[in-house]
N, C-alpha and C. Protein backbone atom coordinates (compact mmCIF):
# COMPACT_ATOMS: atom_id res chain seq x y z
N MET A 1 10.10 33.23 -4.20
CA MET A 1 9.78 32.06 -3.42
C MET A 1 8.69 31.27 -4.14
N SER A 2 8.85 29.97 -4.15
CA SER A 2 7.85 29.13 -4.80
C SER A 2 7.10 28.32 -3.76
N ALA A 3 5.89 27.91 -4.11
CA ALA A 3 5.11 27.06 -3.23
C ALA A 3 5.85 25.74 -3.01
N ARG A 4 6.56 25.28 -4.03
CA ARG A 4 7.30 24.02 -3.94
C ARG A 4 8.33 24.07 -2.81
N SER A 5 9.01 25.19 -2.69
CA SER A 5 10.06 25.29 -1.69
C SER A 5 9.50 25.33 -0.27
N LEU A 6 8.24 25.71 -0.11
CA LEU A 6 7.65 25.73 1.21
C LEU A 6 7.31 24.34 1.72
N HIS A 7 7.26 23.36 0.84
CA HIS A 7 6.83 22.02 1.22
C HIS A 7 7.95 21.01 1.34
N LYS A 8 9.19 21.46 1.40
CA LYS A 8 10.31 20.53 1.45
C LYS A 8 10.70 20.20 2.89
N LEU A 9 11.01 18.96 3.10
CA LEU A 9 11.54 18.50 4.38
C LEU A 9 12.80 17.69 4.09
N THR A 10 13.64 17.53 5.06
CA THR A 10 14.88 16.79 4.87
C THR A 10 14.71 15.31 5.19
N THR A 11 15.58 14.48 4.64
CA THR A 11 15.55 13.05 4.92
C THR A 11 16.41 12.70 6.12
N LYS A 12 17.20 13.65 6.62
CA LYS A 12 18.03 13.35 7.78
C LYS A 12 17.15 12.95 8.95
N GLY A 13 17.70 12.12 9.82
CA GLY A 13 16.94 11.67 10.98
C GLY A 13 15.86 10.71 10.56
N ASN A 14 16.22 9.71 9.76
CA ASN A 14 15.23 8.77 9.23
C ASN A 14 14.35 8.16 10.31
N SER A 15 14.85 8.02 11.52
CA SER A 15 14.02 7.47 12.59
C SER A 15 12.85 8.41 12.90
N GLU A 16 13.02 9.69 12.62
CA GLU A 16 11.96 10.65 12.86
C GLU A 16 11.00 10.75 11.68
N MET A 17 11.47 10.43 10.47
CA MET A 17 10.65 10.51 9.26
C MET A 17 10.85 9.23 8.45
N PRO A 18 10.17 8.15 8.82
CA PRO A 18 10.44 6.86 8.19
C PRO A 18 9.86 6.69 6.79
N ASP A 19 8.96 7.53 6.36
CA ASP A 19 8.30 7.38 5.07
C ASP A 19 8.87 8.36 4.06
N ASP A 20 8.53 8.18 2.77
CA ASP A 20 9.00 9.13 1.75
C ASP A 20 8.12 10.37 1.68
N LYS A 21 7.01 10.37 2.42
CA LYS A 21 6.14 11.54 2.49
C LYS A 21 5.66 11.70 3.92
N VAL A 22 5.52 12.95 4.33
CA VAL A 22 4.98 13.25 5.65
C VAL A 22 3.50 13.50 5.46
N ARG A 23 2.68 12.86 6.27
CA ARG A 23 1.23 13.03 6.15
C ARG A 23 0.69 13.74 7.39
N ILE A 24 0.06 14.88 7.15
CA ILE A 24 -0.56 15.66 8.20
C ILE A 24 -2.05 15.70 7.88
N PRO A 25 -2.91 15.29 8.83
CA PRO A 25 -4.35 15.27 8.55
C PRO A 25 -4.84 16.62 8.01
N GLY A 26 -5.62 16.54 6.93
CA GLY A 26 -6.20 17.74 6.33
C GLY A 26 -5.32 18.42 5.31
N LEU A 27 -4.08 17.94 5.12
CA LEU A 27 -3.16 18.53 4.15
C LEU A 27 -2.69 17.46 3.18
N PRO A 28 -2.31 17.87 1.96
CA PRO A 28 -1.75 16.88 1.03
C PRO A 28 -0.41 16.38 1.55
N PRO A 29 0.01 15.16 1.16
CA PRO A 29 1.31 14.65 1.61
C PRO A 29 2.45 15.60 1.23
N ILE A 30 3.40 15.74 2.13
CA ILE A 30 4.56 16.61 1.91
C ILE A 30 5.75 15.72 1.59
N PRO A 31 6.40 15.90 0.42
CA PRO A 31 7.52 15.03 0.07
C PRO A 31 8.74 15.28 0.95
N VAL A 32 9.45 14.21 1.24
CA VAL A 32 10.72 14.29 1.96
C VAL A 32 11.81 14.30 0.90
N VAL A 33 12.75 15.23 0.99
CA VAL A 33 13.78 15.38 -0.04
C VAL A 33 15.16 15.03 0.50
N SER A 34 16.14 14.95 -0.38
CA SER A 34 17.50 14.66 0.02
C SER A 34 18.09 15.81 0.83
N ASP A 35 19.16 15.51 1.55
CA ASP A 35 19.83 16.55 2.33
C ASP A 35 20.32 17.68 1.44
N ALA A 36 20.89 17.33 0.30
CA ALA A 36 21.42 18.35 -0.62
C ALA A 36 20.30 19.26 -1.13
N GLU A 37 19.17 18.67 -1.50
CA GLU A 37 18.05 19.47 -1.99
C GLU A 37 17.48 20.34 -0.86
N ALA A 38 17.45 19.80 0.35
CA ALA A 38 16.96 20.58 1.49
C ALA A 38 17.84 21.80 1.75
N GLU A 39 19.14 21.67 1.55
CA GLU A 39 20.06 22.80 1.74
C GLU A 39 19.76 23.93 0.76
N ASN A 40 19.15 23.61 -0.38
CA ASN A 40 18.84 24.62 -1.39
C ASN A 40 17.43 25.18 -1.26
N SER A 41 16.71 24.80 -0.22
CA SER A 41 15.36 25.32 0.01
C SER A 41 15.43 26.79 0.42
N ASP A 42 14.33 27.48 0.23
CA ASP A 42 14.26 28.88 0.64
C ASP A 42 14.13 29.03 2.14
N PHE A 43 13.35 28.14 2.76
CA PHE A 43 13.05 28.27 4.18
C PHE A 43 13.10 26.94 4.89
N LEU A 44 13.35 27.01 6.20
CA LEU A 44 13.25 25.87 7.11
C LEU A 44 12.16 26.24 8.10
N VAL A 45 11.06 25.49 8.12
CA VAL A 45 9.96 25.79 9.03
C VAL A 45 10.30 25.18 10.39
N CYS A 46 10.23 26.02 11.43
CA CYS A 46 10.67 25.63 12.76
C CYS A 46 9.56 25.76 13.79
N ALA A 47 9.70 25.00 14.87
CA ALA A 47 8.74 25.03 15.97
C ALA A 47 9.04 26.21 16.88
N PRO A 48 8.03 26.71 17.59
CA PRO A 48 8.29 27.78 18.56
C PRO A 48 9.17 27.25 19.69
N LEU A 49 9.93 28.13 20.28
CA LEU A 49 10.80 27.74 21.39
C LEU A 49 9.94 27.44 22.61
N THR A 50 10.17 26.30 23.22
CA THR A 50 9.42 25.89 24.42
C THR A 50 10.43 25.53 25.51
N GLU A 51 9.96 25.56 26.74
CA GLU A 51 10.77 25.10 27.88
C GLU A 51 9.99 24.03 28.59
N PRO A 52 10.44 22.80 28.62
CA PRO A 52 11.66 22.34 27.96
C PRO A 52 11.45 22.25 26.45
N MET A 53 12.56 22.20 25.71
CA MET A 53 12.47 22.06 24.26
C MET A 53 11.95 20.66 23.92
N TYR A 54 11.43 20.51 22.70
CA TYR A 54 10.88 19.22 22.26
C TYR A 54 11.93 18.12 22.36
N PHE A 55 13.16 18.41 21.96
CA PHE A 55 14.29 17.50 22.10
C PHE A 55 15.40 18.27 22.80
N ALA A 56 16.08 17.64 23.73
CA ALA A 56 17.11 18.31 24.52
C ALA A 56 18.25 18.85 23.65
N ASP A 57 18.50 18.20 22.50
CA ASP A 57 19.62 18.62 21.64
C ASP A 57 19.19 19.56 20.51
N ASN A 58 17.98 20.09 20.56
CA ASN A 58 17.55 21.07 19.56
C ASN A 58 18.41 22.32 19.62
N PHE A 59 18.50 23.01 18.50
CA PHE A 59 19.17 24.31 18.44
C PHE A 59 18.10 25.39 18.59
N LYS A 60 18.53 26.55 19.08
CA LYS A 60 17.64 27.71 19.20
C LYS A 60 17.97 28.69 18.09
N GLY A 61 16.96 29.45 17.66
CA GLY A 61 17.16 30.46 16.62
C GLY A 61 16.06 31.49 16.68
N ILE A 62 16.01 32.32 15.64
CA ILE A 62 15.03 33.40 15.55
C ILE A 62 14.38 33.34 14.17
N CYS A 63 13.06 33.51 14.11
CA CYS A 63 12.34 33.54 12.84
C CYS A 63 12.83 34.72 12.01
N CYS A 64 13.13 34.48 10.74
CA CYS A 64 13.64 35.53 9.85
C CYS A 64 12.58 36.55 9.49
N HIS A 65 11.32 36.24 9.73
CA HIS A 65 10.23 37.12 9.33
C HIS A 65 9.72 37.97 10.50
N CYS A 66 9.48 37.33 11.66
CA CYS A 66 8.87 38.07 12.78
C CYS A 66 9.79 38.21 13.99
N GLY A 67 10.89 37.49 14.03
CA GLY A 67 11.82 37.59 15.14
C GLY A 67 11.49 36.72 16.34
N ARG A 68 10.49 35.87 16.22
CA ARG A 68 10.09 34.98 17.31
C ARG A 68 11.19 33.95 17.59
N ASP A 69 11.34 33.57 18.87
CA ASP A 69 12.28 32.52 19.24
C ASP A 69 11.75 31.17 18.74
N ILE A 70 12.64 30.40 18.13
CA ILE A 70 12.26 29.11 17.54
C ILE A 70 13.28 28.04 17.95
N GLN A 71 12.92 26.79 17.64
CA GLN A 71 13.83 25.66 17.84
C GLN A 71 13.79 24.77 16.61
N TYR A 72 14.90 24.10 16.37
CA TYR A 72 14.98 23.20 15.22
C TYR A 72 15.99 22.11 15.52
N ARG A 73 15.93 21.04 14.76
CA ARG A 73 16.80 19.88 14.99
C ARG A 73 18.23 20.21 14.61
N TRP A 74 19.16 19.59 15.31
CA TRP A 74 20.59 19.82 15.09
C TRP A 74 21.02 19.43 13.68
N HIS A 75 20.30 18.50 13.06
CA HIS A 75 20.68 18.02 11.72
C HIS A 75 19.93 18.74 10.61
N ALA A 76 19.18 19.78 10.95
CA ALA A 76 18.42 20.54 9.95
C ALA A 76 19.37 21.26 8.99
N PRO A 77 18.92 21.54 7.77
CA PRO A 77 19.76 22.27 6.81
C PRO A 77 20.22 23.61 7.39
N ARG A 78 21.42 24.02 7.05
CA ARG A 78 22.01 25.25 7.60
C ARG A 78 21.75 26.48 6.74
N LYS A 79 21.64 26.32 5.42
CA LYS A 79 21.53 27.47 4.51
C LYS A 79 20.16 28.15 4.50
N PRO A 80 19.06 27.40 4.52
CA PRO A 80 17.75 28.08 4.41
C PRO A 80 17.47 29.03 5.58
N LYS A 81 16.72 30.07 5.27
CA LYS A 81 16.27 30.99 6.32
C LYS A 81 15.32 30.22 7.23
N ARG A 82 15.36 30.53 8.53
CA ARG A 82 14.49 29.85 9.50
C ARG A 82 13.21 30.66 9.68
N LEU A 83 12.10 29.96 9.64
CA LEU A 83 10.78 30.58 9.65
C LEU A 83 9.92 29.88 10.69
N CYS A 84 9.22 30.64 11.55
CA CYS A 84 8.34 30.01 12.54
C CYS A 84 7.08 29.47 11.83
N MET A 85 6.37 28.61 12.52
CA MET A 85 5.19 27.98 11.93
C MET A 85 4.11 29.01 11.57
N GLU A 86 3.93 30.03 12.40
CA GLU A 86 2.91 31.05 12.12
C GLU A 86 3.23 31.81 10.84
N CYS A 87 4.49 32.19 10.67
CA CYS A 87 4.88 32.92 9.46
C CYS A 87 4.79 32.01 8.24
N PHE A 88 5.10 30.72 8.42
CA PHE A 88 4.95 29.77 7.32
C PHE A 88 3.51 29.73 6.84
N VAL A 89 2.58 29.64 7.77
CA VAL A 89 1.15 29.59 7.40
C VAL A 89 0.76 30.87 6.65
N LYS A 90 1.22 32.02 7.13
CA LYS A 90 0.91 33.28 6.46
C LYS A 90 1.48 33.30 5.04
N LEU A 91 2.74 32.87 4.89
CA LEU A 91 3.36 32.84 3.56
C LEU A 91 2.69 31.82 2.66
N GLU A 92 2.35 30.67 3.20
CA GLU A 92 1.68 29.62 2.43
C GLU A 92 0.33 30.13 1.91
N ASN A 93 -0.41 30.81 2.78
CA ASN A 93 -1.71 31.37 2.36
C ASN A 93 -1.51 32.42 1.27
N LYS A 94 -0.48 33.25 1.40
CA LYS A 94 -0.19 34.27 0.39
C LYS A 94 0.16 33.63 -0.95
N VAL A 95 0.99 32.57 -0.91
CA VAL A 95 1.35 31.86 -2.14
C VAL A 95 0.12 31.23 -2.77
N ALA A 96 -0.76 30.65 -1.96
CA ALA A 96 -1.98 30.02 -2.48
C ALA A 96 -2.88 31.06 -3.15
N VAL A 97 -3.03 32.22 -2.53
CA VAL A 97 -3.86 33.29 -3.10
C VAL A 97 -3.26 33.78 -4.41
N GLU A 98 -1.95 34.01 -4.42
CA GLU A 98 -1.28 34.48 -5.64
C GLU A 98 -1.39 33.45 -6.76
N SER A 99 -1.29 32.17 -6.40
CA SER A 99 -1.42 31.10 -7.39
C SER A 99 -2.83 31.08 -7.98
N GLU A 100 -3.82 31.25 -7.12
CA GLU A 100 -5.22 31.26 -7.58
C GLU A 100 -5.48 32.48 -8.46
N GLU A 101 -4.93 33.64 -8.10
CA GLU A 101 -5.11 34.85 -8.91
C GLU A 101 -4.46 34.68 -10.27
N THR A 102 -3.29 34.03 -10.32
CA THR A 102 -2.61 33.79 -11.58
C THR A 102 -3.45 32.89 -12.48
N LYS A 103 -4.07 31.86 -11.90
CA LYS A 103 -4.92 30.95 -12.67
C LYS A 103 -6.12 31.71 -13.26
N GLN A 104 -6.69 32.62 -12.48
CA GLN A 104 -7.87 33.36 -12.93
C GLN A 104 -7.53 34.38 -14.01
N GLU A 105 -6.27 34.86 -14.04
CA GLU A 105 -5.86 35.86 -15.02
C GLU A 105 -5.56 35.24 -16.38
N ARG A 106 -5.26 33.95 -16.43
CA ARG A 106 -4.92 33.30 -17.68
C ARG A 106 -6.14 33.19 -18.59
N PRO A 107 -5.98 33.56 -19.86
CA PRO A 107 -7.11 33.38 -20.80
C PRO A 107 -7.33 31.91 -21.09
N ARG A 108 -8.57 31.56 -21.29
CA ARG A 108 -8.89 30.14 -21.56
C ARG A 108 -9.21 29.91 -23.00
């Protein structure tokens, strides 16, 4: 798994994502990718299941890492494993630590 694959979002549903990058306060911009590229991502980060769901037409699923109930948009990529937000944060932190350790191991 690469850090790059954790930051991919789909371009489907342009009304929901009107820009070429998603901006979340405190985080670097996240690029929005094509539908085809999104299908080749490792993971799809999903919201926890709520009642009522965020959108009435959301699909329900289970996090591939912890088994938590999740929801995602009907137009989301089908191939990537579905991951809840909590597990995404844990994996992202692990990737960041591994990346930093790799940088420190390289001779200068």
